[in-house]
């Protein structure tokens, strides 16, 4: 009885103190479903869609979450995950069976290089410099890079140096934009699907100049962070040619734009006992990698909206 009385007194004191939240606010979620579309029109122009998405991404300086989950094909149960991101290329995803057990997965990127380690990949941790990866021997088999994963997580940018076409209505009623993207590996085609009600990206597809699908990202459960005004997908799935199955990330409850810096070692390449570091750009890494993405081509309904001269330019 004494304990219950103490709790009531604490709640009353909080409600009376200046600056304290009201009782309903104490139990209100920090993030909520998005209140409205940030595109601003039921029939948006290309500029309205791209500028709205770019504006949202530019607000994001950093974010982190300690209660994410990571589902990897071949692993029976989701991994407990910690995720940290800081502009422009700093990303770290660490997964373990539970918050108290040993690590099973580590993907990271800093300003110079990126790495990938999985306990079930015997004896090797892969890494590569960003500037060497486009010409590495396995680039055509493993085209997933940190930039693609960062975009999959919701930090999406329609670059002015790329060519964008649309928007057009898809069969599901959503808006679709086709982009010709200039990358260090050549000119790729990207198809972006935007939810027509909210104005947020729900699907991204990356095609080679030969019109073959090599990477796919899907975003679901869009949320709105009220403290920063940031829209973000709570759950993303990524699939890529050269990697078995797909990886699904549930961000849990991320914190955006913290003023406290990340630990200095957060984005440093780690070492794992019994695993040697293998450079993806070296001739040593030449064993065949089985492609698992379907050989899917961009729908003709999308291709017809691209001027033929532009198509010939990117596939020549």
C-alpha atoms as a PDB file:
ATOM      1  CA  UNK A   1       0.000   0.000   0.000  1.00  0.00           C
ATOM      2  CA  UNK A   2       2.847   2.356   0.869  1.00  0.00           C
ATOM      3  CA  UNK A   3       4.516   1.646  -2.480  1.00  0.00           C
ATOM      4  CA  UNK A   4       1.327   2.420  -4.425  1.00  0.00           C
ATOM      5  CA  UNK A   5       0.890   5.702  -2.530  1.00  0.00           C
ATOM      6  CA  UNK A   6       4.473   6.697  -3.338  1.00  0.00           C
ATOM      7  CA  UNK A   7       3.884   6.048  -7.059  1.00  0.00           C
ATOM      8  CA  UNK A   8       0.753   8.224  -7.028  1.00  0.00           C
ATOM      9  CA  UNK A   9       2.630  11.063  -5.311  1.00  0.00           C
ATOM     10  CA  UNK A  10       5.438  10.895  -7.901  1.00  0.00           C
ATOM     11  CA  UNK A  11       2.941  11.097 -10.769  1.00  0.00           C
ATOM     12  CA  UNK A  12       1.138  14.040  -9.189  1.00  0.00           C
ATOM     13  CA  UNK A  13       4.438  15.843  -8.596  1.00  0.00           C
ATOM     14  CA  UNK A  14       5.450  15.327 -12.234  1.00  0.00           C
ATOM     15  CA  UNK A  15       2.146  16.706 -13.457  1.00  0.00           C
ATOM     16  CA  UNK A  16       2.498  19.820 -11.296  1.00  0.00           C
ATOM     17  CA  UNK A  17       6.114  20.683 -12.055  1.00  0.00           C
ATOM     18  CA  UNK A  18       6.697  23.285 -14.818  1.00  0.00           C
ATOM     19  CA  UNK A  19       7.729  21.680 -18.101  1.00  0.00           C
ATOM     20  CA  UNK A  20       6.456  18.215 -17.189  1.00  0.00           C
ATOM     21  CA  UNK A  21       4.313  16.315 -19.673  1.00  0.00           C
ATOM     22  CA  UNK A  22       0.636  15.730 -19.066  1.00  0.00           C
ATOM     23  CA  UNK A  23      -0.422  12.260 -17.969  1.00  0.00           C
ATOM     24  CA  UNK A  24      -1.437  11.144 -21.492  1.00  0.00           C
ATOM     25  CA  UNK A  25       1.948  12.303 -22.821  1.00  0.00           C
ATOM     26  CA  UNK A  26       3.746  10.056 -20.358  1.00  0.00           C
ATOM     27  CA  UNK A  27       2.389   7.039 -22.186  1.00  0.00           C
ATOM     28  CA  UNK A  28       2.402   8.427 -25.726  1.00  0.00           C
ATOM     29  CA  UNK A  29       4.686   6.800 -28.290  1.00  0.00           C
ATOM     30  CA  UNK A  30       7.587   8.928 -29.440  1.00  0.00           C
ATOM     31  CA  UNK A  31       7.117   7.790 -33.024  1.00  0.00           C
ATOM     32  CA  UNK A  32       3.756   7.517 -34.727  1.00  0.00           C
ATOM     33  CA  UNK A  33       2.326   6.698 -38.139  1.00  0.00           C
ATOM     34  CA  UNK A  34       2.923   9.667 -40.463  1.00  0.00           C
ATOM     35  CA  UNK A  35       0.269  12.383 -40.051  1.00  0.00           C
ATOM     36  CA  UNK A  36       0.080  13.322 -43.744  1.00  0.00           C
ATOM     37  CA  UNK A  37       1.914  13.209 -47.036  1.00  0.00           C
ATOM     38  CA  UNK A  38       4.921  15.492 -47.297  1.00  0.00           C
ATOM     39  CA  UNK A  39       4.616  15.577 -51.094  1.00  0.00           C
ATOM     40  CA  UNK A  40       1.881  18.194 -50.821  1.00  0.00           C
ATOM     41  CA  UNK A  41      -0.320  17.228 -53.761  1.00  0.00           C
ATOM     42  CA  UNK A  42      -2.576  14.407 -54.901  1.00  0.00           C
ATOM     43  CA  UNK A  43      -1.109  14.833 -58.404  1.00  0.00           C
ATOM     44  CA  UNK A  44       2.519  15.650 -57.602  1.00  0.00           C
ATOM     45  CA  UNK A  45       5.141  16.682 -60.107  1.00  0.00           C
ATOM     46  CA  UNK A  46       8.535  15.023 -60.360  1.00  0.00           C
ATOM     47  CA  UNK A  47      10.092  17.986 -58.569  1.00  0.00           C
ATOM     48  CA  UNK A  48       7.582  17.822 -55.697  1.00  0.00           C
ATOM     49  CA  UNK A  49       8.242  14.127 -55.075  1.00  0.00           C
ATOM     50  CA  UNK A  50      12.028  14.229 -55.361  1.00  0.00           C
ATOM     51  CA  UNK A  51      12.459  17.439 -53.360  1.00  0.00           C
ATOM     52  CA  UNK A  52      10.170  16.142 -50.591  1.00  0.00           C
ATOM     53  CA  UNK A  53      12.131  12.897 -50.249  1.00  0.00           C
ATOM     54  CA  UNK A  54      15.486  14.701 -50.495  1.00  0.00           C
ATOM     55  CA  UNK A  55      14.421  17.227 -47.857  1.00  0.00           C
ATOM     56  CA  UNK A  56      13.516  14.449 -45.417  1.00  0.00           C
ATOM     57  CA  UNK A  57      16.839  12.667 -45.991  1.00  0.00           C
ATOM     58  CA  UNK A  58      18.869  15.836 -45.559  1.00  0.00           C
ATOM     59  CA  UNK A  59      17.457  16.300 -42.052  1.00  0.00           C
ATOM     60  CA  UNK A  60      19.005  12.980 -40.993  1.00  0.00           C
ATOM     61  CA  UNK A  61      22.519  13.577 -39.639  1.00  0.00           C
ATOM     62  CA  UNK A  62      22.762  10.347 -37.669  1.00  0.00           C
ATOM     63  CA  UNK A  63      20.649   7.708 -35.983  1.00  0.00           C
ATOM     64  CA  UNK A  64      21.126   4.662 -33.795  1.00  0.00           C
ATOM     65  CA  UNK A  65      19.077   1.871 -32.282  1.00  0.00           C
ATOM     66  CA  UNK A  66      19.868  -0.757 -29.669  1.00  0.00           C
ATOM     67  CA  UNK A  67      16.699  -2.817 -30.047  1.00  0.00           C
ATOM     68  CA  UNK A  68      16.629  -3.610 -33.757  1.00  0.00           C
ATOM     69  CA  UNK A  69      16.174  -7.126 -35.112  1.00  0.00           C
ATOM     70  CA  UNK A  70      17.908  -8.725 -38.063  1.00  0.00           C
ATOM     71  CA  UNK A  71      16.551 -11.646 -40.065  1.00  0.00           C
ATOM     72  CA  UNK A  72      19.017 -13.331 -42.429  1.00  0.00           C
ATOM     73  CA  UNK A  73      18.099 -16.128 -44.805  1.00  0.00           C
ATOM     74  CA  UNK A  74      19.422 -19.408 -43.458  1.00  0.00           C
ATOM     75  CA  UNK A  75      19.300 -18.254 -39.823  1.00  0.00           C
ATOM     76  CA  UNK A  76      16.256 -19.758 -38.107  1.00  0.00           C
ATOM     77  CA  UNK A  77      15.577 -16.995 -35.589  1.00  0.00           C
ATOM     78  CA  UNK A  78      15.920 -13.206 -35.909  1.00  0.00           C
ATOM     79  CA  UNK A  79      19.100 -11.736 -34.472  1.00  0.00           C
ATOM     80  CA  UNK A  80      19.125  -8.993 -31.880  1.00  0.00           C
ATOM     81  CA  UNK A  81      20.780  -6.055 -33.640  1.00  0.00           C
ATOM     82  CA  UNK A  82      22.477  -2.767 -32.880  1.00  0.00           C
ATOM     83  CA  UNK A  83      22.635  -0.238 -35.686  1.00  0.00           C
ATOM     84  CA  UNK A  84      24.423   3.104 -36.003  1.00  0.00           C
ATOM     85  CA  UNK A  85      24.590   5.527 -38.925  1.00  0.00           C
ATOM     86  CA  UNK A  86      26.411   8.815 -39.424  1.00  0.00           C
ATOM     87  CA  UNK A  87      26.738  10.790 -42.637  1.00  0.00           C
ATOM     88  CA  UNK A  88      27.996  10.242 -45.206  1.00  0.00           C
ATOM     89  CA  UNK A  89      29.083   6.549 -45.279  1.00  0.00           C
ATOM     90  CA  UNK A  90      29.469   5.519 -41.641  1.00  0.00           C
ATOM     91  CA  UNK A  91      27.261   2.542 -40.891  1.00  0.00           C
ATOM     92  CA  UNK A  92      27.481  -0.349 -38.423  1.00  0.00           C
ATOM     93  CA  UNK A  93      25.072  -3.276 -38.038  1.00  0.00           C
ATOM     94  CA  UNK A  94      25.925  -5.889 -35.394  1.00  0.00           C
ATOM     95  CA  UNK A  95      23.771  -8.942 -34.766  1.00  0.00           C
ATOM     96  CA  UNK A  96      23.689 -11.595 -32.041  1.00  0.00           C
ATOM     97  CA  UNK A  97      21.250 -14.314 -30.959  1.00  0.00           C
ATOM     98  CA  UNK A  98      20.222 -12.190 -27.947  1.00  0.00           C
ATOM     99  CA  UNK A  99      21.474  -9.004 -26.350  1.00  0.00           C
ATOM    100  CA  UNK A 100      23.634 -11.120 -24.021  1.00  0.00           C
ATOM    101  CA  UNK A 101      25.079 -13.732 -26.405  1.00  0.00           C
ATOM    102  CA  UNK A 102      28.079 -13.642 -28.714  1.00  0.00           C
ATOM    103  CA  UNK A 103      28.056 -11.768 -31.987  1.00  0.00           C
ATOM    104  CA  UNK A 104      26.959 -13.531 -35.181  1.00  0.00           C
ATOM    105  CA  UNK A 105      27.012 -10.779 -37.808  1.00  0.00           C
ATOM    106  CA  UNK A 106      28.924  -7.535 -38.410  1.00  0.00           C
ATOM    107  CA  UNK A 107      28.547  -5.176 -41.363  1.00  0.00           C
ATOM    108  CA  UNK A 108      30.272  -1.825 -41.235  1.00  0.00           C
ATOM    109  CA  UNK A 109      31.410   1.100 -43.304  1.00  0.00           C
ATOM    110  CA  UNK A 110      33.532   4.173 -42.663  1.00  0.00           C
ATOM    111  CA  UNK A 111      34.796   6.956 -44.899  1.00  0.00           C
ATOM    112  CA  UNK A 112      37.489   4.695 -46.411  1.00  0.00           C
ATOM    113  CA  UNK A 113      36.251   1.103 -46.550  1.00  0.00           C
ATOM    114  CA  UNK A 114      33.535  -1.371 -45.613  1.00  0.00           C
ATOM    115  CA  UNK A 115      33.520  -4.917 -44.226  1.00  0.00           C
ATOM    116  CA  UNK A 116      31.264  -7.937 -43.784  1.00  0.00           C
ATOM    117  CA  UNK A 117      31.697 -10.736 -41.227  1.00  0.00           C
ATOM    118  CA  UNK A 118      29.389 -13.662 -40.467  1.00  0.00           C
ATOM    119  CA  UNK A 119      30.209 -16.383 -37.973  1.00  0.00           C
ATOM    120  CA  UNK A 120      28.825 -19.018 -40.355  1.00  0.00           C
ATOM    121  CA  UNK A 121      31.262 -17.916 -43.092  1.00  0.00           C
ATOM    122  CA  UNK A 122      34.283 -20.032 -41.982  1.00  0.00           C
ATOM    123  CA  UNK A 123      37.617 -18.330 -41.615  1.00  0.00           C
ATOM    124  CA  UNK A 124      37.031 -15.105 -43.564  1.00  0.00           C
ATOM    125  CA  UNK A 125      36.004 -11.515 -42.987  1.00  0.00           C
ATOM    126  CA  UNK A 126      35.545  -9.586 -46.223  1.00  0.00           C
ATOM    127  CA  UNK A 127      36.493  -5.954 -46.669  1.00  0.00           C
ATOM    128  CA  UNK A 128      37.170  -3.483 -49.459  1.00  0.00           C
ATOM    129  CA  UNK A 129      38.034   0.156 -49.992  1.00  0.00           C
ATOM    130  CA  UNK A 130      35.183   2.220 -51.408  1.00  0.00           C
ATOM    131  CA  UNK A 131      37.335   3.507 -54.272  1.00  0.00           C
ATOM    132  CA  UNK A 132      38.526  -0.009 -55.220  1.00  0.00           C
ATOM    133  CA  UNK A 133      35.231  -1.861 -55.015  1.00  0.00           C
ATOM    134  CA  UNK A 134      33.837  -0.715 -58.401  1.00  0.00           C
ATOM    135  CA  UNK A 135      36.752  -2.441 -60.178  1.00  0.00           C
ATOM    136  CA  UNK A 136      37.063  -5.446 -57.875  1.00  0.00           C
ATOM    137  CA  UNK A 137      36.852  -8.951 -59.433  1.00  0.00           C
ATOM    138  CA  UNK A 138      33.548  -9.717 -57.663  1.00  0.00           C
ATOM    139  CA  UNK A 139      31.758  -6.399 -58.255  1.00  0.00           C
ATOM    140  CA  UNK A 140      29.542  -7.922 -60.947  1.00  0.00           C
ATOM    141  CA  UNK A 141      28.542 -10.814 -58.655  1.00  0.00           C
ATOM    142  CA  UNK A 142      28.146  -8.863 -55.412  1.00  0.00           C
ATOM    143  CA  UNK A 143      26.883  -5.383 -56.365  1.00  0.00           C
ATOM    144  CA  UNK A 144      25.607  -4.548 -52.877  1.00  0.00           C
ATOM    145  CA  UNK A 145      27.536  -1.627 -51.412  1.00  0.00           C
ATOM    146  CA  UNK A 146      27.047   0.592 -48.350  1.00  0.00           C
ATOM    147  CA  UNK A 147      25.409   3.362 -50.380  1.00  0.00           C
ATOM    148  CA  UNK A 148      22.642   0.987 -51.477  1.00  0.00           C
ATOM    149  CA  UNK A 149      22.058  -0.271 -47.926  1.00  0.00           C
ATOM    150  CA  UNK A 150      21.971   3.282 -46.537  1.00  0.00           C
ATOM    151  CA  UNK A 151      19.325   4.198 -49.123  1.00  0.00           C
ATOM    152  CA  UNK A 152      17.370   1.059 -48.243  1.00  0.00           C
ATOM    153  CA  UNK A 153      17.276   2.268 -44.624  1.00  0.00           C
ATOM    154  CA  UNK A 154      15.546   5.464 -45.726  1.00  0.00           C
ATOM    155  CA  UNK A 155      18.371   7.931 -46.402  1.00  0.00           C
ATOM    156  CA  UNK A 156      17.382   8.343 -50.054  1.00  0.00           C
ATOM    157  CA  UNK A 157      18.648  10.978 -52.459  1.00  0.00           C
ATOM    158  CA  UNK A 158      17.539  11.827 -55.974  1.00  0.00           C
ATOM    159  CA  UNK A 159      20.788  13.281 -57.294  1.00  0.00           C
ATOM    160  CA  UNK A 160      20.655  16.207 -59.723  1.00  0.00           C
ATOM    161  CA  UNK A 161      23.464  14.573 -61.715  1.00  0.00           C
ATOM    162  CA  UNK A 162      21.133  11.638 -62.570  1.00  0.00           C
ATOM    163  CA  UNK A 163      18.265  11.697 -65.068  1.00  0.00           C
ATOM    164  CA  UNK A 164      14.793  11.157 -63.623  1.00  0.00           C
ATOM    165  CA  UNK A 165      11.583  10.301 -65.511  1.00  0.00           C
ATOM    166  CA  UNK A 166       8.012  10.313 -64.204  1.00  0.00           C
ATOM    167  CA  UNK A 167       6.050  10.110 -62.088  1.00  0.00           C
ATOM    168  CA  UNK A 168       3.762   7.488 -63.613  1.00  0.00           C
ATOM    169  CA  UNK A 169       1.006   5.478 -61.951  1.00  0.00           C
ATOM    170  CA  UNK A 170       1.745   1.826 -61.289  1.00  0.00           C
ATOM    171  CA  UNK A 171      -0.823  -0.969 -61.331  1.00  0.00           C
ATOM    172  CA  UNK A 172      -1.097  -0.661 -57.524  1.00  0.00           C
ATOM    173  CA  UNK A 173      -1.890   3.050 -57.740  1.00  0.00           C
ATOM    174  CA  UNK A 174       1.485   4.176 -56.409  1.00  0.00           C
ATOM    175  CA  UNK A 175       3.812   6.625 -58.145  1.00  0.00           C
ATOM    176  CA  UNK A 176       6.894   5.335 -59.976  1.00  0.00           C
ATOM    177  CA  UNK A 177      10.051   7.181 -61.001  1.00  0.00           C
ATOM    178  CA  UNK A 178      12.759   5.783 -63.281  1.00  0.00           C
ATOM    179  CA  UNK A 179      16.270   7.178 -62.862  1.00  0.00           C
ATOM    180  CA  UNK A 180      19.441   6.813 -64.892  1.00  0.00           C
ATOM    181  CA  UNK A 181      22.128   6.680 -62.212  1.00  0.00           C
ATOM    182  CA  UNK A 182      25.788   7.382 -62.865  1.00  0.00           C
ATOM    183  CA  UNK A 183      27.912   5.113 -60.639  1.00  0.00           C
ATOM    184  CA  UNK A 184      31.636   4.256 -60.537  1.00  0.00           C
ATOM    185  CA  UNK A 185      30.663   0.914 -62.113  1.00  0.00           C
ATOM    186  CA  UNK A 186      28.757   2.473 -65.000  1.00  0.00           C
ATOM    187  CA  UNK A 187      25.266   3.807 -65.636  1.00  0.00           C
ATOM    188  CA  UNK A 188      22.506   1.855 -63.912  1.00  0.00           C
ATOM    189  CA  UNK A 189      18.728   2.232 -64.026  1.00  0.00           C
ATOM    190  CA  UNK A 190      16.798   2.604 -60.791  1.00  0.00           C
ATOM    191  CA  UNK A 191      13.041   2.208 -60.397  1.00  0.00           C
ATOM    192  CA  UNK A 192      11.588   3.879 -57.303  1.00  0.00           C
ATOM    193  CA  UNK A 193       8.024   3.231 -56.123  1.00  0.00           C
ATOM    194  CA  UNK A 194       6.456   5.925 -53.927  1.00  0.00           C
ATOM    195  CA  UNK A 195       3.337   5.445 -51.795  1.00  0.00           C
ATOM    196  CA  UNK A 196       0.701   7.703 -53.361  1.00  0.00           C
ATOM    197  CA  UNK A 197      -0.984   8.512 -50.019  1.00  0.00           C
ATOM    198  CA  UNK A 198       2.062   9.280 -47.895  1.00  0.00           C
ATOM    199  CA  UNK A 199       4.645  10.191 -50.506  1.00  0.00           C
ATOM    200  CA  UNK A 200       7.317   7.858 -49.147  1.00  0.00           C
ATOM    201  CA  UNK A 201       9.515   5.316 -50.947  1.00  0.00           C
ATOM    202  CA  UNK A 202       8.253   1.756 -50.483  1.00  0.00           C
ATOM    203  CA  UNK A 203      10.340  -0.080 -53.092  1.00  0.00           C
ATOM    204  CA  UNK A 204      13.663   0.436 -54.879  1.00  0.00           C
ATOM    205  CA  UNK A 205      14.949  -1.685 -57.766  1.00  0.00           C
ATOM    206  CA  UNK A 206      18.406  -1.421 -59.327  1.00  0.00           C
ATOM    207  CA  UNK A 207      18.983  -2.653 -62.882  1.00  0.00           C
ATOM    208  CA  UNK A 208      22.204  -3.110 -64.839  1.00  0.00           C
ATOM    209  CA  UNK A 209      22.700  -1.336 -68.177  1.00  0.00           C
ATOM    210  CA  UNK A 210      21.565  -4.681 -69.675  1.00  0.00           C
ATOM    211  CA  UNK A 211      18.214  -4.255 -67.845  1.00  0.00           C
ATOM    212  CA  UNK A 212      18.767  -7.090 -65.341  1.00  0.00           C
ATOM    213  CA  UNK A 213      17.584  -6.688 -61.736  1.00  0.00           C
ATOM    214  CA  UNK A 214      20.537  -6.913 -59.326  1.00  0.00           C
ATOM    215  CA  UNK A 215      19.272  -5.326 -56.111  1.00  0.00           C
ATOM    216  CA  UNK A 216      15.902  -4.866 -54.465  1.00  0.00           C
ATOM    217  CA  UNK A 217      14.838  -3.022 -51.291  1.00  0.00           C
ATOM    218  CA  UNK A 218      11.344  -2.849 -49.789  1.00  0.00           C
ATOM    219  CA  UNK A 219      10.240  -0.593 -46.925  1.00  0.00           C
ATOM    220  CA  UNK A 220       7.173  -1.117 -44.729  1.00  0.00           C
ATOM    221  CA  UNK A 221       5.635   0.304 -41.554  1.00  0.00           C
ATOM    222  CA  UNK A 222       6.463   3.959 -42.183  1.00  0.00           C
ATOM    223  CA  UNK A 223       6.858   6.022 -39.004  1.00  0.00           C
ATOM    224  CA  UNK A 224       7.132   9.703 -38.110  1.00  0.00           C
ATOM    225  CA  UNK A 225       9.593  10.846 -35.444  1.00  0.00           C
ATOM    226  CA  UNK A 226       7.817  13.755 -33.765  1.00  0.00           C
ATOM    227  CA  UNK A 227      10.913  15.141 -32.062  1.00  0.00           C
ATOM    228  CA  UNK A 228      12.776  15.728 -35.354  1.00  0.00           C
ATOM    229  CA  UNK A 229      10.025  15.678 -37.993  1.00  0.00           C
ATOM    230  CA  UNK A 230      11.715  12.764 -39.774  1.00  0.00           C
ATOM    231  CA  UNK A 231       9.827  10.113 -41.735  1.00  0.00           C
ATOM    232  CA  UNK A 232      11.474   6.675 -41.727  1.00  0.00           C
ATOM    233  CA  UNK A 233      10.639   3.031 -42.508  1.00  0.00           C
ATOM    234  CA  UNK A 234      10.615   0.856 -39.414  1.00  0.00           C
ATOM    235  CA  UNK A 235      11.152  -2.323 -41.421  1.00  0.00           C
ATOM    236  CA  UNK A 236      13.261  -2.823 -44.561  1.00  0.00           C
ATOM    237  CA  UNK A 237      14.136  -5.904 -46.607  1.00  0.00           C
ATOM    238  CA  UNK A 238      17.145  -6.064 -48.908  1.00  0.00           C
ATOM    239  CA  UNK A 239      17.943  -8.661 -51.541  1.00  0.00           C
ATOM    240  CA  UNK A 240      20.930  -8.605 -53.837  1.00  0.00           C
ATOM    241  CA  UNK A 241      22.450 -10.700 -56.577  1.00  0.00           C
ATOM    242  CA  UNK A 242      25.353 -12.772 -55.277  1.00  0.00           C
ATOM    243  CA  UNK A 243      23.967 -13.069 -51.737  1.00  0.00           C
ATOM    244  CA  UNK A 244      21.804 -15.959 -50.592  1.00  0.00           C
ATOM    245  CA  UNK A 245      18.233 -14.932 -49.821  1.00  0.00           C
ATOM    246  CA  UNK A 246      17.448 -11.583 -48.239  1.00  0.00           C
ATOM    247  CA  UNK A 247      18.158  -9.571 -45.124  1.00  0.00           C
ATOM    248  CA  UNK A 248      15.307  -7.926 -43.203  1.00  0.00           C
ATOM    249  CA  UNK A 249      15.923  -5.217 -40.612  1.00  0.00           C
ATOM    250  CA  UNK A 250      13.390  -3.979 -38.062  1.00  0.00           C
ATOM    251  CA  UNK A 251      14.758  -0.718 -36.653  1.00  0.00           C
ATOM    252  CA  UNK A 252      12.922  -0.991 -33.341  1.00  0.00           C
ATOM    253  CA  UNK A 253      12.974   2.482 -31.741  1.00  0.00           C
ATOM    254  CA  UNK A 254      15.735   4.533 -33.392  1.00  0.00           C
ATOM    255  CA  UNK A 255      17.027   7.833 -32.024  1.00  0.00           C
ATOM    256  CA  UNK A 256      17.786  10.542 -34.593  1.00  0.00           C
ATOM    257  CA  UNK A 257      20.281  13.423 -34.634  1.00  0.00           C
ATOM    258  CA  UNK A 258      21.858  12.944 -31.231  1.00  0.00           C
ATOM    259  CA  UNK A 259      24.404  15.559 -30.197  1.00  0.00           C
ATOM    260  CA  UNK A 260      26.634  13.010 -28.438  1.00  0.00           C
ATOM    261  CA  UNK A 261      29.309  11.600 -30.780  1.00  0.00           C
ATOM    262  CA  UNK A 262      29.611   7.883 -31.415  1.00  0.00           C
ATOM    263  CA  UNK A 263      32.553   6.083 -29.761  1.00  0.00           C
ATOM    264  CA  UNK A 264      35.758   6.445 -31.840  1.00  0.00           C
ATOM    265  CA  UNK A 265      35.902   2.684 -32.421  1.00  0.00           C
ATOM    266  CA  UNK A 266      32.313   2.407 -33.686  1.00  0.00           C
ATOM    267  CA  UNK A 267      33.287   2.731 -37.342  1.00  0.00           C
ATOM    268  CA  UNK A 268      36.738   1.130 -37.226  1.00  0.00           C
ATOM    269  CA  UNK A 269      37.212  -2.195 -38.993  1.00  0.00           C
ATOM    270  CA  UNK A 270      37.187  -4.970 -36.347  1.00  0.00           C
ATOM    271  CA  UNK A 271      39.131  -8.213 -36.117  1.00  0.00           C
ATOM    272  CA  UNK A 272      37.742 -11.625 -35.167  1.00  0.00           C
ATOM    273  CA  UNK A 273      39.812 -14.444 -33.750  1.00  0.00           C
ATOM    274  CA  UNK A 274      40.113 -17.297 -36.218  1.00  0.00           C
ATOM    275  CA  UNK A 275      38.977 -15.167 -39.174  1.00  0.00           C
ATOM    276  CA  UNK A 276      41.423 -13.597 -41.603  1.00  0.00           C
ATOM    277  CA  UNK A 277      40.627 -10.387 -43.453  1.00  0.00           C
ATOM    278  CA  UNK A 278      40.233 -10.926 -47.215  1.00  0.00           C
ATOM    279  CA  UNK A 279      40.236  -7.964 -49.600  1.00  0.00           C
ATOM    280  CA  UNK A 280      37.420  -8.227 -52.156  1.00  0.00           C
ATOM    281  CA  UNK A 281      39.535  -6.277 -54.652  1.00  0.00           C
ATOM    282  CA  UNK A 282      42.428  -8.748 -54.563  1.00  0.00           C
ATOM    283  CA  UNK A 283      42.945 -11.569 -57.113  1.00  0.00           C
ATOM    284  CA  UNK A 284      42.717 -13.944 -54.141  1.00  0.00           C
ATOM    285  CA  UNK A 285      38.982 -13.440 -54.007  1.00  0.00           C
ATOM    286  CA  UNK A 286      37.998 -15.129 -57.253  1.00  0.00           C
ATOM    287  CA  UNK A 287      35.984 -18.168 -56.205  1.00  0.00           C
ATOM    288  CA  UNK A 288      32.611 -18.333 -57.997  1.00  0.00           C
ATOM    289  CA  UNK A 289      29.656 -16.761 -56.212  1.00  0.00           C
ATOM    290  CA  UNK A 290      26.193 -18.068 -57.014  1.00  0.00           C
ATOM    291  CA  UNK A 291      23.749 -15.378 -58.124  1.00  0.00           C
ATOM    292  CA  UNK A 292      20.405 -15.700 -56.364  1.00  0.00           C
ATOM    293  CA  UNK A 293      18.435 -12.732 -57.667  1.00  0.00           C
ATOM    294  CA  UNK A 294      15.978 -13.614 -60.414  1.00  0.00           C
ATOM    295  CA  UNK A 295      16.932 -12.456 -63.894  1.00  0.00           C
ATOM    296  CA  UNK A 296      14.090  -9.970 -63.898  1.00  0.00           C
ATOM    297  CA  UNK A 297      13.813  -7.115 -66.345  1.00  0.00           C
ATOM    298  CA  UNK A 298      12.156  -3.771 -65.847  1.00  0.00           C
ATOM    299  CA  UNK A 299       8.464  -3.878 -66.818  1.00  0.00           C
ATOM    300  CA  UNK A 300       7.751  -2.618 -70.323  1.00  0.00           C
ATOM    301  CA  UNK A 301       5.209  -0.212 -68.849  1.00  0.00           C
ATOM    302  CA  UNK A 302       8.146   1.520 -67.213  1.00  0.00           C
ATOM    303  CA  UNK A 303      10.516   1.308 -70.168  1.00  0.00           C
ATOM    304  CA  UNK A 304       8.017   3.002 -72.479  1.00  0.00           C
ATOM    305  CA  UNK A 305       8.209   6.181 -70.416  1.00  0.00           C
ATOM    306  CA  UNK A 306      11.936   6.530 -71.101  1.00  0.00           C
ATOM    307  CA  UNK A 307      13.007   8.172 -74.353  1.00  0.00           C
ATOM    308  CA  UNK A 308      14.604   5.612 -76.638  1.00  0.00           C
ATOM    309  CA  UNK A 309      17.636   7.809 -77.099  1.00  0.00           C
ATOM    310  CA  UNK A 310      18.248   7.671 -73.359  1.00  0.00           C
ATOM    311  CA  UNK A 311      17.846   3.872 -73.291  1.00  0.00           C
ATOM    312  CA  UNK A 312      20.389   3.471 -76.068  1.00  0.00           C
ATOM    313  CA  UNK A 313      22.781   5.768 -74.235  1.00  0.00           C
ATOM    314  CA  UNK A 314      22.844   3.660 -71.084  1.00  0.00           C
ATOM    315  CA  UNK A 315      23.044   0.250 -72.720  1.00  0.00           C
ATOM    316  CA  UNK A 316      25.567   1.103 -75.405  1.00  0.00           C
END
